[in-house]
Amino acid sequence: MNPILRIEHLTKVYPNGVQALTDVSFDVPRGQFVAVIGLSGSGKSTLLRCINRLVEPT
């Protein structure tokens, strides 16, 4: 079955050199729910901003 969302090798490095995401990959199967959890500053918001193209991945 094809996933509704597939992320492959997503990396984001900001212009100041901060590496927010490093080689993130995952699939979200159709009909499934996903929760993004983690510590403050771990890249949750950056991940979601990359997915909906508010920021460009590196």
PDB file of N, CA and C in Angstrom:
ATOM      1  N   MET A   1       0.846  -1.180   0.000  1.00  0.00           N
ATOM      2  CA  MET A   1       0.000   0.000   0.000  1.00  0.00           C
ATOM      3  C   MET A   1       0.896   1.250   0.000  1.00  0.00           C
ATOM      4  N   ASN A   2       0.522   2.240  -0.763  1.00  0.00           N
ATOM      5  CA  ASN A   2       1.290   3.483  -0.828  1.00  0.00           C
ATOM      6  C   ASN A   2       1.019   4.348   0.394  1.00  0.00           C
ATOM      7  N   PRO A   3       2.054   4.914   0.983  1.00  0.00           N
ATOM      8  CA  PRO A   3       1.855   5.807   2.137  1.00  0.00           C
ATOM      9  C   PRO A   3       1.229   7.123   1.690  1.00  0.00           C
ATOM     10  N   ILE A   4       0.514   7.759   2.593  1.00  0.00           N
ATOM     11  CA  ILE A   4      -0.067   9.068   2.296  1.00  0.00           C
ATOM     12  C   ILE A   4       1.000  10.162   2.386  1.00  0.00           C
ATOM     13  N   LEU A   5       2.059   9.881   3.151  1.00  0.00           N
ATOM     14  CA  LEU A   5       3.182  10.808   3.266  1.00  0.00           C
ATOM     15  C   LEU A   5       4.465  10.005   3.384  1.00  0.00           C
ATOM     16  N   ARG A   6       5.451  10.377   2.589  1.00  0.00           N
ATOM     17  CA  ARG A   6       6.776   9.741   2.670  1.00  0.00           C
ATOM     18  C   ARG A   6       7.824  10.849   2.745  1.00  0.00           C
ATOM     19  N   ILE A   7       8.649  10.786   3.769  1.00  0.00           N
ATOM     20  CA  ILE A   7       9.766  11.710   3.941  1.00  0.00           C
ATOM     21  C   ILE A   7      11.040  10.884   3.803  1.00  0.00           C
ATOM     22  N   GLU A   8      11.943  11.327   2.942  1.00  0.00           N
ATOM     23  CA  GLU A   8      13.185  10.586   2.720  1.00  0.00           C
ATOM     24  C   GLU A   8      14.382  11.519   2.817  1.00  0.00           C
ATOM     25  N   HIS A   9      15.259  11.242   3.752  1.00  0.00           N
ATOM     26  CA  HIS A   9      16.547  11.932   3.881  1.00  0.00           C
ATOM     27  C   HIS A   9      16.391  13.449   4.014  1.00  0.00           C
ATOM     28  N   LEU A  10      15.441  13.876   4.829  1.00  0.00           N
ATOM     29  CA  LEU A  10      15.195  15.302   5.041  1.00  0.00           C
ATOM     30  C   LEU A  10      16.244  15.882   5.984  1.00  0.00           C
ATOM     31  N   THR A  11      16.899  16.930   5.537  1.00  0.00           N
ATOM     32  CA  THR A  11      17.900  17.634   6.340  1.00  0.00           C
ATOM     33  C   THR A  11      17.618  19.121   6.243  1.00  0.00           C
ATOM     34  N   LYS A  12      17.777  19.824   7.347  1.00  0.00           N
ATOM     35  CA  LYS A  12      17.635  21.281   7.359  1.00  0.00           C
ATOM     36  C   LYS A  12      18.768  21.881   8.168  1.00  0.00           C
ATOM     37  N   VAL A  13      19.552  22.727   7.512  1.00  0.00           N
ATOM     38  CA  VAL A  13      20.608  23.487   8.162  1.00  0.00           C
ATOM     39  C   VAL A  13      20.282  24.954   7.934  1.00  0.00           C
ATOM     40  N   TYR A  14      20.164  25.719   9.011  1.00  0.00           N
ATOM     41  CA  TYR A  14      19.864  27.143   8.899  1.00  0.00           C
ATOM     42  C   TYR A  14      21.117  27.918   8.491  1.00  0.00           C
ATOM     43  N   PRO A  15      20.943  29.123   7.926  1.00  0.00           N
ATOM     44  CA  PRO A  15      22.091  29.918   7.466  1.00  0.00           C
ATOM     45  C   PRO A  15      23.155  30.170   8.537  1.00  0.00           C
ATOM     46  N   ASN A  16      22.748  30.182   9.811  1.00  0.00           N
ATOM     47  CA  ASN A  16      23.727  30.413  10.886  1.00  0.00           C
ATOM     48  C   ASN A  16      24.499  29.141  11.260  1.00  0.00           C
ATOM     49  N   GLY A  17      24.258  28.043  10.537  1.00  0.00           N
ATOM     50  CA  GLY A  17      24.987  26.800  10.769  1.00  0.00           C
ATOM     51  C   GLY A  17      24.299  25.806  11.676  1.00  0.00           C
ATOM     52  N   VAL A  18      23.172  26.178  12.270  1.00  0.00           N
ATOM     53  CA  VAL A  18      22.442  25.258  13.153  1.00  0.00           C
ATOM     54  C   VAL A  18      21.804  24.157  12.308  1.00  0.00           C
ATOM     55  N   GLN A  19      22.126  22.910  12.646  1.00  0.00           N
ATOM     56  CA  GLN A  19      21.556  21.765  11.949  1.00  0.00           C
ATOM     57  C   GLN A  19      20.330  21.309  12.728  1.00  0.00           C
ATOM     58  N   ALA A  20      19.145  21.627  12.198  1.00  0.00           N
ATOM     59  CA  ALA A  20      17.894  21.346  12.897  1.00  0.00           C
ATOM     60  C   ALA A  20      17.414  19.919  12.659  1.00  0.00           C
ATOM     61  N   LEU A  21      17.597  19.401  11.451  1.00  0.00           N
ATOM     62  CA  LEU A  21      17.175  18.045  11.101  1.00  0.00           C
ATOM     63  C   LEU A  21      18.300  17.368  10.331  1.00  0.00           C
ATOM     64  N   THR A  22      18.517  16.097  10.617  1.00  0.00           N
ATOM     65  CA  THR A  22      19.587  15.358   9.947  1.00  0.00           C
ATOM     66  C   THR A  22      19.058  14.031   9.430  1.00  0.00           C
ATOM     67  N   ASP A  23      18.919  13.904   8.122  1.00  0.00           N
ATOM     68  CA  ASP A  23      18.590  12.634   7.460  1.00  0.00           C
ATOM     69  C   ASP A  23      17.348  11.963   8.054  1.00  0.00           C
ATOM     70  N   VAL A  24      16.247  12.703   8.138  1.00  0.00           N
ATOM     71  CA  VAL A  24      14.985  12.186   8.685  1.00  0.00           C
ATOM     72  C   VAL A  24      14.227  11.458   7.576  1.00  0.00           C
ATOM     73  N   SER A  25      13.788  10.246   7.857  1.00  0.00           N
ATOM     74  CA  SER A  25      13.008   9.455   6.903  1.00  0.00           C
ATOM     75  C   SER A  25      11.903   8.714   7.647  1.00  0.00           C
ATOM     76  N   PHE A  26      10.698   8.737   7.088  1.00  0.00           N
ATOM     77  CA  PHE A  26       9.593   7.944   7.630  1.00  0.00           C
ATOM     78  C   PHE A  26       8.436   7.936   6.640  1.00  0.00           C
ATOM     79  N   ASP A  27       7.545   6.962   6.784  1.00  0.00           N
ATOM     80  CA  ASP A  27       6.307   6.863   6.015  1.00  0.00           C
ATOM     81  C   ASP A  27       5.134   6.991   6.965  1.00  0.00           C
ATOM     82  N   VAL A  28       4.051   7.578   6.469  1.00  0.00           N
ATOM     83  CA  VAL A  28       2.786   7.601   7.198  1.00  0.00           C
ATOM     84  C   VAL A  28       1.781   6.827   6.346  1.00  0.00           C
ATOM     85  N   PRO A  29       1.393   5.635   6.802  1.00  0.00           N
ATOM     86  CA  PRO A  29       0.431   4.845   6.038  1.00  0.00           C
ATOM     87  C   PRO A  29      -0.947   5.510   6.012  1.00  0.00           C
ATOM     88  N   ARG A  30      -1.645   5.296   4.928  1.00  0.00           N
ATOM     89  CA  ARG A  30      -3.009   5.819   4.793  1.00  0.00           C
ATOM     90  C   ARG A  30      -3.868   5.297   5.943  1.00  0.00           C
ATOM     91  N   GLY A  31      -4.652   6.190   6.561  1.00  0.00           N
ATOM     92  CA  GLY A  31      -5.544   5.809   7.650  1.00  0.00           C
ATOM     93  C   GLY A  31      -4.906   5.800   9.027  1.00  0.00           C
ATOM     94  N   GLN A  32      -3.629   6.139   9.119  1.00  0.00           N
ATOM     95  CA  GLN A  32      -2.929   6.141  10.402  1.00  0.00           C
ATOM     96  C   GLN A  32      -2.751   7.564  10.922  1.00  0.00           C
ATOM     97  N   PHE A  33      -2.596   7.678  12.217  1.00  0.00           N
ATOM     98  CA  PHE A  33      -2.310   8.952  12.862  1.00  0.00           C
ATOM     99  C   PHE A  33      -0.852   8.961  13.293  1.00  0.00           C
ATOM    100  N   VAL A  34      -0.260  10.146  13.290  1.00  0.00           N
ATOM    101  CA  VAL A  34       1.131  10.299  13.712  1.00  0.00           C
ATOM    102  C   VAL A  34       1.207  11.437  14.708  1.00  0.00           C
ATOM    103  N   ALA A  35       1.973  11.251  15.759  1.00  0.00           N
ATOM    104  CA  ALA A  35       2.244  12.319  16.725  1.00  0.00           C
ATOM    105  C   ALA A  35       3.734  12.622  16.668  1.00  0.00           C
ATOM    106  N   VAL A  36       4.058  13.905  16.638  1.00  0.00           N
ATOM    107  CA  VAL A  36       5.458  14.332  16.660  1.00  0.00           C
ATOM    108  C   VAL A  36       5.723  14.878  18.056  1.00  0.00           C
ATOM    109  N   ILE A  37       6.549  14.167  18.819  1.00  0.00           N
ATOM    110  CA  ILE A  37       6.833  14.572  20.191  1.00  0.00           C
ATOM    111  C   ILE A  37       8.340  14.653  20.389  1.00  0.00           C
ATOM    112  N   GLY A  38       8.750  15.474  21.322  1.00  0.00           N
ATOM    113  CA  GLY A  38      10.175  15.592  21.612  1.00  0.00           C
ATOM    114  C   GLY A  38      10.442  16.785  22.496  1.00  0.00           C
ATOM    115  N   LEU A  39      11.676  16.901  22.910  1.00  0.00           N
ATOM    116  CA  LEU A  39      12.089  18.000  23.774  1.00  0.00           C
ATOM    117  C   LEU A  39      12.062  19.327  23.024  1.00  0.00           C
ATOM    118  N   SER A  40      12.034  20.398  23.776  1.00  0.00           N
ATOM    119  CA  SER A  40      12.122  21.730  23.202  1.00  0.00           C
ATOM    120  C   SER A  40      13.417  21.854  22.403  1.00  0.00           C
ATOM    121  N   GLY A  41      13.303  22.365  21.187  1.00  0.00           N
ATOM    122  CA  GLY A  41      14.481  22.550  20.353  1.00  0.00           C
ATOM    123  C   GLY A  41      14.929  21.316  19.596  1.00  0.00           C
ATOM    124  N   SER A  42      14.113  20.263  19.597  1.00  0.00           N
ATOM    125  CA  SER A  42      14.531  19.017  18.947  1.00  0.00           C
ATOM    126  C   SER A  42      14.197  18.957  17.459  1.00  0.00           C
ATOM    127  N   GLY A  43      13.473  19.957  16.929  1.00  0.00           N
ATOM    128  CA  GLY A  43      13.201  20.008  15.497  1.00  0.00           C
ATOM    129  C   GLY A  43      11.774  19.703  15.083  1.00  0.00           C
ATOM    130  N   LYS A  44      10.860  19.604  16.033  1.00  0.00           N
ATOM    131  CA  LYS A  44       9.464  19.283  15.703  1.00  0.00           C
ATOM    132  C   LYS A  44       8.852  20.326  14.777  1.00  0.00           C
ATOM    133  N   SER A  45       8.956  21.585  15.154  1.00  0.00           N
ATOM    134  CA  SER A  45       8.373  22.659  14.336  1.00  0.00           C
ATOM    135  C   SER A  45       9.068  22.765  12.991  1.00  0.00           C
ATOM    136  N   THR A  46      10.366  22.592  12.970  1.00  0.00           N
ATOM    137  CA  THR A  46      11.104  22.639  11.706  1.00  0.00           C
ATOM    138  C   THR A  46      10.650  21.515  10.784  1.00  0.00           C
ATOM    139  N   LEU A  47      10.449  20.321  11.329  1.00  0.00           N
ATOM    140  CA  LEU A  47       9.956  19.198  10.535  1.00  0.00           C
ATOM    141  C   LEU A  47       8.619  19.548   9.894  1.00  0.00           C
ATOM    142  N   LEU A  48       7.684  20.047  10.685  1.00  0.00           N
ATOM    143  CA  LEU A  48       6.362  20.378  10.153  1.00  0.00           C
ATOM    144  C   LEU A  48       6.429  21.522   9.151  1.00  0.00           C
ATOM    145  N   ARG A  49       7.282  22.493   9.383  1.00  0.00           N
ATOM    146  CA  ARG A  49       7.445  23.603   8.433  1.00  0.00           C
ATOM    147  C   ARG A  49       8.053  23.121   7.118  1.00  0.00           C
ATOM    148  N   CYS A  50       8.940  22.153   7.179  1.00  0.00           N
ATOM    149  CA  CYS A  50       9.495  21.581   5.949  1.00  0.00           C
ATOM    150  C   CYS A  50       8.437  20.780   5.197  1.00  0.00           C
ATOM    151  N   ILE A  51       7.621  20.027   5.916  1.00  0.00           N
ATOM    152  CA  ILE A  51       6.585  19.218   5.274  1.00  0.00           C
ATOM    153  C   ILE A  51       5.600  20.102   4.520  1.00  0.00           C
ATOM    154  N   ASN A  52       5.174  21.219   5.132  1.00  0.00           N
ATOM    155  CA  ASN A  52       4.217  22.076   4.421  1.00  0.00           C
ATOM    156  C   ASN A  52       4.883  23.238   3.698  1.00  0.00           C
ATOM    157  N   ARG A  53       6.199  23.125   3.502  1.00  0.00           N
ATOM    158  CA  ARG A  53       7.004  24.009   2.651  1.00  0.00           C
ATOM    159  C   ARG A  53       7.009  25.468   3.088  1.00  0.00           C
ATOM    160  N   LEU A  54       6.850  25.690   4.389  1.00  0.00           N
ATOM    161  CA  LEU A  54       7.027  27.040   4.919  1.00  0.00           C
ATOM    162  C   LEU A  54       8.506  27.393   4.985  1.00  0.00           C
ATOM    163  N   VAL A  55       9.361  26.379   5.125  1.00  0.00           N
ATOM    164  CA  VAL A  55      10.810  26.548   4.995  1.00  0.00           C
ATOM    165  C   VAL A  55      11.310  25.475   4.031  1.00  0.00           C
ATOM    166  N   GLU A  56      12.353  25.789   3.300  1.00  0.00           N
ATOM    167  CA  GLU A  56      12.919  24.850   2.333  1.00  0.00           C
ATOM    168  C   GLU A  56      13.938  23.938   3.013  1.00  0.00           C
ATOM    169  N   PRO A  57      13.845  22.643   2.777  1.00  0.00           N
ATOM    170  CA  PRO A  57      14.880  21.741   3.281  1.00  0.00           C
ATOM    171  C   PRO A  57      16.223  22.078   2.644  1.00  0.00           C
ATOM    172  N   THR A  58      17.284  21.681   3.296  1.00  0.00           N
ATOM    173  CA  THR A  58      18.625  21.930   2.760  1.00  0.00           C
ATOM    174  C   THR A  58      18.975  20.873   1.728  1.00  0.00           C
TER     175      THR A  58
END
